[in-house]
Amino acid sequence: MNRQILLTSLLLLTLFGGLGLVLPEWVIFLMALALAKGLVVLSVVLLMRAGLVSFGQGLFYAAAAYAVGFAINRWGIGEATVLLAIGVMASIALAALIGVVIARYREIFFGMLSLAFSMAFYGVLVKAYDVTGGSDGMGIAPPTIFGLVIPPERLRLTVYYLVLICVAIMLYLIYRYIQSPLGTLIRAIRDNEVRVAYLGGSVHRAIYLTYVLAAGLGGLGGVLVAINVGHVDPELAYWTTSGEFVFVALLGGTGSVFAPLVGAIAYELVKSYAFKFSPYTWQMTLGILMLGIIFLLPGGLWSLGQRLRRRQV
C-alpha cells in the first residue's frame, strides 16, 4: 500500500505538472492556492481522525504566513526553502505551547478553545499596527528558489511547481503517519478513549503530538499561500477562515489523504465561478452545494469514487 500511495503521488505530480504548462496563468494561481489550502484542510482531517474538530486552524495558517512576512520584510530573508522552514517551525512552536493546554479537552470544548486562541491572535494582528500592519497586513516580495531569482513572467508557474512538490511529499509522509503505530492509536482514541487509556496507551501524548503535527502541516499551507498571493493580513486567522477549512474537510471527505485536495480544488473552482456569475449570492451557492453533498454524499466527494468502484465490482 505504501508503494501504491507513492506511485499515485508521483502520477498526480506528473499530471498536475503537465497541466501547469497548458493552463492559463489565472488557473495556475487558483490551483496553487487550492493545493496549498488543501494541506491546511488535511491538517484539520488529521485532528478529525482523533475525534477532534478544530475551529481555530487559521491560527497556525496565519502564524506561519506572518512569520514569512517578518522574515522577508524585517530580516531580509528571501530564500523560499528557508522561508518554508521558518513558517513551519513558527507554527510548531506555537502549537507546542498551546497544545499543553488544549490537548486536555475534547468535543465542543476543544473546538471552542481552538477558536478562542485563533481569535485572540487575530486581535493581536489587528491591534499591533506598527508591527503587523494592522488590518492592511503586509506585502511579501517574490522569494528566490534555491538561490535563483525567478523572472516575473515565470513566477506563477514556478510557485505552482513549488506547491506541487511540497504537496506530493506531504501526502506521502502523512499517509505513512496514518499507517504508523501513532496513527493507529489516534483512530483507537477516536473510537474509545477510555479503553485506550485502560490498556496503557498514552492518550494525552498522542493527542498532543497529533495537534503539533497538524499545526506544522497547516503552517506549511500558510507559507505556500503567502508566497503565492504575495500578501498576508489578519483575515487569515479570523474564524471564517478556520470555518472554511472545516467546510472543505467535510466537502472532500476523510476517506483518503487525497480527499482534502479534491475538496479544496472543488471549493476554489466553485467559489471562483459562483462569485463571477453571482457576486452577491455566491455564499448561498456554496451553502446549496454543501447541503447537496451532505444529503447525497455524506462521506464527501471522495466517497463518490468509492461508490463508482463498488458498482463496477
Protein backbone atom coordinates (compact mmCIF):
# COMPACT_ATOMS: atom_id res chain seq x y z
CA MET A 1 0.00 0.00 0.00
CA ASN A 2 2.90 2.37 0.72
CA ARG A 3 4.17 1.76 -2.79
CA GLN A 4 0.70 2.39 -4.23
CA ILE A 5 0.41 5.74 -2.46
CA LEU A 6 3.92 6.71 -3.57
CA LEU A 7 3.14 5.82 -7.18
CA THR A 8 -0.18 7.68 -7.01
CA SER A 9 1.56 10.77 -5.63
CA LEU A 10 4.16 10.64 -8.41
CA LEU A 11 1.43 10.15 -11.02
CA LEU A 12 -0.54 13.14 -9.74
CA LEU A 13 2.66 15.18 -9.56
CA THR A 14 3.33 14.40 -13.23
CA LEU A 15 -0.28 15.05 -14.25
CA PHE A 16 -0.62 18.37 -12.45
CA GLY A 17 2.88 19.34 -13.55
CA GLY A 18 1.87 18.82 -17.17
CA LEU A 19 -1.32 20.83 -16.67
CA GLY A 20 0.79 23.74 -15.48
CA LEU A 21 2.30 24.01 -18.96
CA VAL A 22 -1.05 24.41 -20.72
CA LEU A 23 -3.35 26.15 -18.21
CA PRO A 24 -3.78 29.94 -18.26
CA GLU A 25 -2.00 31.92 -15.56
CA TRP A 26 -5.12 32.65 -13.51
CA VAL A 27 -5.96 28.94 -13.31
CA ILE A 28 -2.38 28.15 -12.26
CA PHE A 29 -2.71 30.70 -9.46
CA LEU A 30 -6.05 29.22 -8.40
CA MET A 31 -4.71 25.66 -8.45
CA ALA A 32 -1.66 26.63 -6.39
CA LEU A 33 -3.95 28.35 -3.89
CA ALA A 34 -6.27 25.34 -3.71
CA LEU A 35 -3.45 22.83 -3.26
CA ALA A 36 -1.79 24.94 -0.55
CA LYS A 37 -5.08 25.32 1.31
CA GLY A 38 -5.60 21.60 0.82
CA LEU A 39 -2.65 21.00 3.15
CA VAL A 40 -4.38 23.04 5.85
CA VAL A 41 -7.58 21.07 5.27
CA LEU A 42 -5.55 17.86 5.57
CA SER A 43 -4.35 19.07 8.97
CA VAL A 44 -7.99 19.51 10.02
CA VAL A 45 -8.73 15.97 8.82
CA LEU A 46 -5.83 14.64 10.90
CA LEU A 47 -7.49 16.03 14.01
CA MET A 48 -10.87 14.69 12.89
CA ARG A 49 -9.32 11.22 12.81
CA ALA A 50 -8.76 11.68 16.53
CA GLY A 51 -12.38 12.74 17.01
CA LEU A 52 -11.45 16.42 17.35
CA VAL A 53 -12.76 19.31 15.26
CA SER A 54 -10.58 22.42 15.24
CA PHE A 55 -12.31 25.73 14.58
CA GLY A 56 -9.01 27.55 15.04
CA GLN A 57 -6.66 26.06 12.47
CA GLY A 58 -6.39 29.53 10.96
CA LEU A 59 -4.14 30.37 13.93
CA PHE A 60 -1.24 28.30 12.60
CA TYR A 61 -2.07 29.14 9.00
CA ALA A 62 -1.74 32.84 9.83
CA ALA A 63 1.21 32.47 12.20
CA ALA A 64 3.32 30.78 9.54
CA ALA A 65 2.27 33.30 6.88
CA TYR A 66 3.18 36.24 9.13
CA ALA A 67 6.48 34.58 10.06
CA VAL A 68 7.29 34.62 6.34
CA GLY A 69 6.26 38.28 6.14
CA PHE A 70 8.57 39.20 9.02
CA ALA A 71 11.42 37.12 7.60
CA ILE A 72 11.24 38.91 4.26
CA ASN A 73 10.39 42.46 5.32
CA ARG A 74 12.31 42.77 8.59
CA TRP A 75 15.11 40.22 8.43
CA GLY A 76 15.84 40.30 4.70
CA ILE A 77 15.47 36.54 4.21
CA GLY A 78 14.32 35.84 0.67
CA GLU A 79 15.06 32.15 0.03
CA ALA A 80 11.88 30.08 -0.34
CA THR A 81 13.29 26.93 1.25
CA VAL A 82 14.38 28.88 4.33
CA LEU A 83 11.00 30.62 4.49
CA LEU A 84 9.25 27.25 4.42
CA ALA A 85 11.33 26.11 7.39
CA ILE A 86 10.73 29.35 9.32
CA GLY A 87 6.96 29.23 8.81
CA VAL A 88 6.62 25.57 9.76
CA MET A 89 8.83 25.96 12.84
CA ALA A 90 6.85 29.03 13.95
CA SER A 91 3.55 27.15 13.78
CA ILE A 92 5.03 24.08 15.50
CA ALA A 93 6.50 26.19 18.31
CA LEU A 94 3.15 27.92 18.85
CA ALA A 95 1.29 24.60 18.86
CA ALA A 96 3.80 23.10 21.28
CA LEU A 97 2.85 25.79 23.80
CA ILE A 98 -0.91 25.84 23.19
CA GLY A 99 -1.07 22.06 22.95
CA VAL A 100 -0.10 21.67 26.61
CA VAL A 101 -3.48 23.17 27.48
CA ILE A 102 -5.76 22.30 24.60
CA ALA A 103 -4.80 18.61 24.35
CA ARG A 104 -6.62 18.04 27.65
CA TYR A 105 -10.01 18.98 26.18
CA ARG A 106 -12.41 17.09 23.92
CA GLU A 107 -15.52 17.61 21.80
CA ILE A 108 -17.06 21.11 21.81
CA PHE A 109 -14.60 22.33 24.45
CA PHE A 110 -11.66 21.57 22.16
CA GLY A 111 -13.38 23.28 19.23
CA MET A 112 -14.28 26.43 21.15
CA LEU A 113 -10.89 26.70 22.83
CA SER A 114 -9.12 26.39 19.48
CA LEU A 115 -11.40 29.12 18.15
CA ALA A 116 -10.64 31.34 21.15
CA PHE A 117 -6.87 31.07 20.63
CA SER A 118 -7.25 31.88 16.94
CA MET A 119 -9.44 34.93 17.57
CA ALA A 120 -7.04 36.17 20.25
CA PHE A 121 -4.23 36.00 17.69
CA TYR A 122 -6.46 37.80 15.18
CA GLY A 123 -6.95 40.60 17.70
CA VAL A 124 -3.19 40.93 18.19
CA LEU A 125 -2.62 41.11 14.43
CA VAL A 126 -5.23 43.86 14.04
CA LYS A 127 -4.15 45.97 17.03
CA ALA A 128 -0.36 45.73 16.65
CA TYR A 129 -0.35 48.04 13.63
CA ASP A 130 3.28 49.12 13.93
CA VAL A 131 4.45 45.51 13.86
CA THR A 132 1.92 43.67 11.69
CA GLY A 133 0.48 46.43 9.52
CA GLY A 134 -2.89 46.12 11.24
CA SER A 135 -5.89 45.27 9.11
CA ASP A 136 -3.91 46.19 5.98
CA GLY A 137 -1.45 43.38 6.56
CA MET A 138 1.88 43.36 4.76
CA GLY A 139 3.13 42.63 1.28
CA ILE A 140 5.51 39.77 0.52
CA ALA A 141 8.15 40.15 -2.17
CA PRO A 142 8.71 37.18 -4.51
CA PRO A 143 11.37 34.91 -2.96
CA THR A 144 14.29 33.25 -4.65
CA ILE A 145 14.12 29.48 -5.07
CA PHE A 146 17.36 27.59 -4.47
CA GLY A 147 19.15 30.89 -4.92
CA LEU A 148 17.60 31.60 -8.32
CA VAL A 149 15.77 34.86 -9.00
CA ILE A 150 12.57 33.98 -10.84
CA PRO A 151 11.55 36.30 -13.71
CA PRO A 152 8.08 37.85 -13.18
CA GLU A 153 6.64 36.11 -16.25
CA ARG A 154 7.61 32.68 -14.83
CA LEU A 155 6.83 33.37 -11.18
CA ARG A 156 3.29 31.93 -11.11
CA LEU A 157 4.36 28.66 -12.75
CA THR A 158 7.44 28.31 -10.54
CA VAL A 159 5.43 28.85 -7.34
CA TYR A 160 2.86 26.36 -8.63
CA TYR A 161 5.57 23.72 -9.03
CA LEU A 162 6.95 24.52 -5.58
CA VAL A 163 3.48 23.99 -4.10
CA LEU A 164 3.05 20.80 -6.10
CA ILE A 165 6.31 19.30 -4.85
CA CYS A 166 5.50 20.18 -1.23
CA VAL A 167 2.02 18.67 -1.53
CA ALA A 168 3.30 15.43 -3.07
CA ILE A 169 5.90 14.98 -0.33
CA MET A 170 3.44 15.74 2.46
CA LEU A 171 0.79 13.39 1.09
CA TYR A 172 3.23 10.50 1.26
CA LEU A 173 4.53 11.44 4.72
CA ILE A 174 1.05 11.92 6.18
CA TYR A 175 -0.03 8.57 4.75
CA ARG A 176 2.96 6.95 6.46
CA TYR A 177 1.96 8.67 9.70
CA ILE A 178 -1.62 7.40 9.44
CA GLN A 179 -0.33 3.84 8.98
CA SER A 180 2.17 4.19 11.84
CA PRO A 181 1.51 2.96 15.42
CA LEU A 182 0.72 6.54 16.47
CA GLY A 183 -1.80 6.92 13.63
CA THR A 184 -3.43 3.63 14.63
CA LEU A 185 -3.54 4.77 18.26
CA ILE A 186 -5.26 8.00 17.22
CA ARG A 187 -8.03 6.06 15.47
CA ALA A 188 -8.45 3.91 18.57
CA ILE A 189 -8.72 7.04 20.74
CA ARG A 190 -11.49 8.34 18.50
CA ASP A 191 -13.41 5.07 18.85
CA ASN A 192 -12.92 4.53 22.59
CA GLU A 193 -10.58 6.80 24.52
CA VAL A 194 -11.33 5.20 27.88
CA ARG A 195 -10.40 1.74 26.65
CA VAL A 196 -7.12 3.01 25.15
CA ALA A 197 -6.20 4.60 28.48
CA TYR A 198 -7.17 1.43 30.34
CA LEU A 199 -4.90 -0.65 28.09
CA GLY A 200 -1.97 1.64 28.86
CA GLY A 201 -2.00 3.92 25.82
CA SER A 202 -0.80 7.48 26.35
CA VAL A 203 -3.90 9.37 25.22
CA HIS A 204 -2.68 12.86 26.11
CA ARG A 205 0.70 12.33 24.42
CA ALA A 206 -0.91 11.00 21.23
CA ILE A 207 -3.35 13.92 21.05
CA TYR A 208 -0.58 16.41 21.77
CA LEU A 209 1.74 15.06 19.06
CA THR A 210 -1.07 14.95 16.51
CA TYR A 211 -2.06 18.52 17.37
CA VAL A 212 1.53 19.73 16.86
CA LEU A 213 1.85 17.76 13.62
CA ALA A 214 -1.41 19.23 12.32
CA ALA A 215 -0.18 22.71 13.21
CA GLY A 216 3.04 22.19 11.25
CA LEU A 217 1.08 20.97 8.25
CA GLY A 218 -1.29 23.93 8.48
CA GLY A 219 1.70 26.24 8.78
CA LEU A 220 3.24 24.81 5.61
CA GLY A 221 -0.01 25.59 3.80
CA GLY A 222 0.09 29.13 5.20
CA VAL A 223 3.63 29.71 3.91
CA LEU A 224 2.74 28.47 0.44
CA VAL A 225 -0.39 30.64 0.31
CA ALA A 226 1.59 33.69 1.43
CA ILE A 227 4.22 33.14 -1.27
CA ASN A 228 1.55 32.51 -3.91
CA VAL A 229 -0.65 35.50 -3.04
CA GLY A 230 2.18 37.87 -2.11
CA HIS A 231 0.29 39.37 0.82
CA VAL A 232 -0.80 38.47 4.36
CA ASP A 233 -3.50 40.05 6.53
CA PRO A 234 -5.32 39.29 9.80
CA GLU A 235 -8.21 37.61 7.98
CA LEU A 236 -6.00 34.53 7.75
CA ALA A 237 -6.62 34.00 11.49
CA TYR A 238 -10.30 35.01 11.51
CA TRP A 239 -12.95 32.47 12.46
CA THR A 240 -14.44 32.43 8.96
CA THR A 241 -11.12 31.20 7.56
CA SER A 242 -10.95 28.36 10.08
CA GLY A 243 -14.59 27.57 9.37
CA GLU A 244 -13.78 27.42 5.67
CA PHE A 245 -11.19 24.72 6.32
CA VAL A 246 -13.71 22.63 8.26
CA PHE A 247 -16.25 23.18 5.45
CA VAL A 248 -13.79 21.94 2.83
CA ALA A 249 -12.83 18.96 5.02
CA LEU A 250 -16.48 17.88 5.07
CA LEU A 251 -16.80 18.65 1.36
CA GLY A 252 -13.86 16.47 0.35
CA GLY A 253 -14.31 13.76 2.94
CA THR A 254 -11.91 11.96 5.24
CA GLY A 255 -11.55 8.65 3.42
CA SER A 256 -8.09 9.32 1.98
CA VAL A 257 -5.15 11.71 2.19
CA PHE A 258 -6.16 12.85 -1.29
CA ALA A 259 -9.73 13.75 -0.25
CA PRO A 260 -8.88 17.19 1.25
CA LEU A 261 -7.17 18.19 -2.00
CA VAL A 262 -10.21 17.13 -4.02
CA GLY A 263 -12.41 19.20 -1.72
CA ALA A 264 -10.08 22.22 -1.83
CA ILE A 265 -9.87 22.25 -5.63
CA ALA A 266 -13.64 21.83 -5.99
CA TYR A 267 -14.27 24.57 -3.42
CA GLU A 268 -11.95 27.12 -5.04
CA LEU A 269 -13.34 26.45 -8.52
CA VAL A 270 -16.98 26.67 -7.41
CA LYS A 271 -16.24 29.76 -5.32
CA SER A 272 -14.45 31.47 -8.22
CA TYR A 273 -17.18 30.82 -10.76
CA ALA A 274 -20.01 31.47 -8.28
CA PHE A 275 -18.50 34.86 -7.46
CA LYS A 276 -18.07 35.63 -11.15
CA PHE A 277 -21.65 34.86 -12.17
CA SER A 278 -23.39 35.76 -8.90
CA PRO A 279 -21.21 38.15 -6.86
CA TYR A 280 -23.94 38.93 -4.31
CA THR A 281 -25.16 35.39 -3.64
CA TRP A 282 -22.05 33.22 -4.05
CA GLN A 283 -22.21 32.19 -0.38
CA MET A 284 -25.69 30.79 -0.99
CA THR A 285 -24.32 28.76 -3.90
CA LEU A 286 -21.69 27.24 -1.62
CA GLY A 287 -24.36 26.53 1.00
CA ILE A 288 -26.54 24.72 -1.53
CA LEU A 289 -23.51 22.72 -2.66
CA MET A 290 -22.77 21.70 0.92
CA LEU A 291 -26.37 20.66 1.55
CA GLY A 292 -26.28 18.55 -1.61
CA ILE A 293 -23.07 16.85 -0.50
CA ILE A 294 -24.46 16.15 2.98
CA PHE A 295 -27.63 14.53 1.62
CA LEU A 296 -26.21 12.76 -1.44
CA LEU A 297 -22.60 12.06 -0.42
CA PRO A 298 -22.33 12.00 3.39
CA GLY A 299 -18.76 10.76 3.03
CA GLY A 300 -17.75 13.76 0.92
CA LEU A 301 -16.72 14.00 -2.72
CA TRP A 302 -14.10 11.29 -2.25
CA SER A 303 -16.82 8.75 -1.45
CA LEU A 304 -18.21 9.22 -4.97
CA GLY A 305 -15.21 7.40 -6.41
CA GLN A 306 -15.62 4.61 -3.87
CA ARG A 307 -19.28 4.22 -4.85
CA LEU A 308 -18.40 4.01 -8.53
CA ARG A 309 -15.76 1.35 -7.86
CA ARG A 310 -18.24 -0.74 -5.85
CA ARG A 311 -20.77 -0.57 -8.69
CA GLN A 312 -18.16 -1.77 -11.18
CA VAL A 313 -17.38 -4.73 -8.95
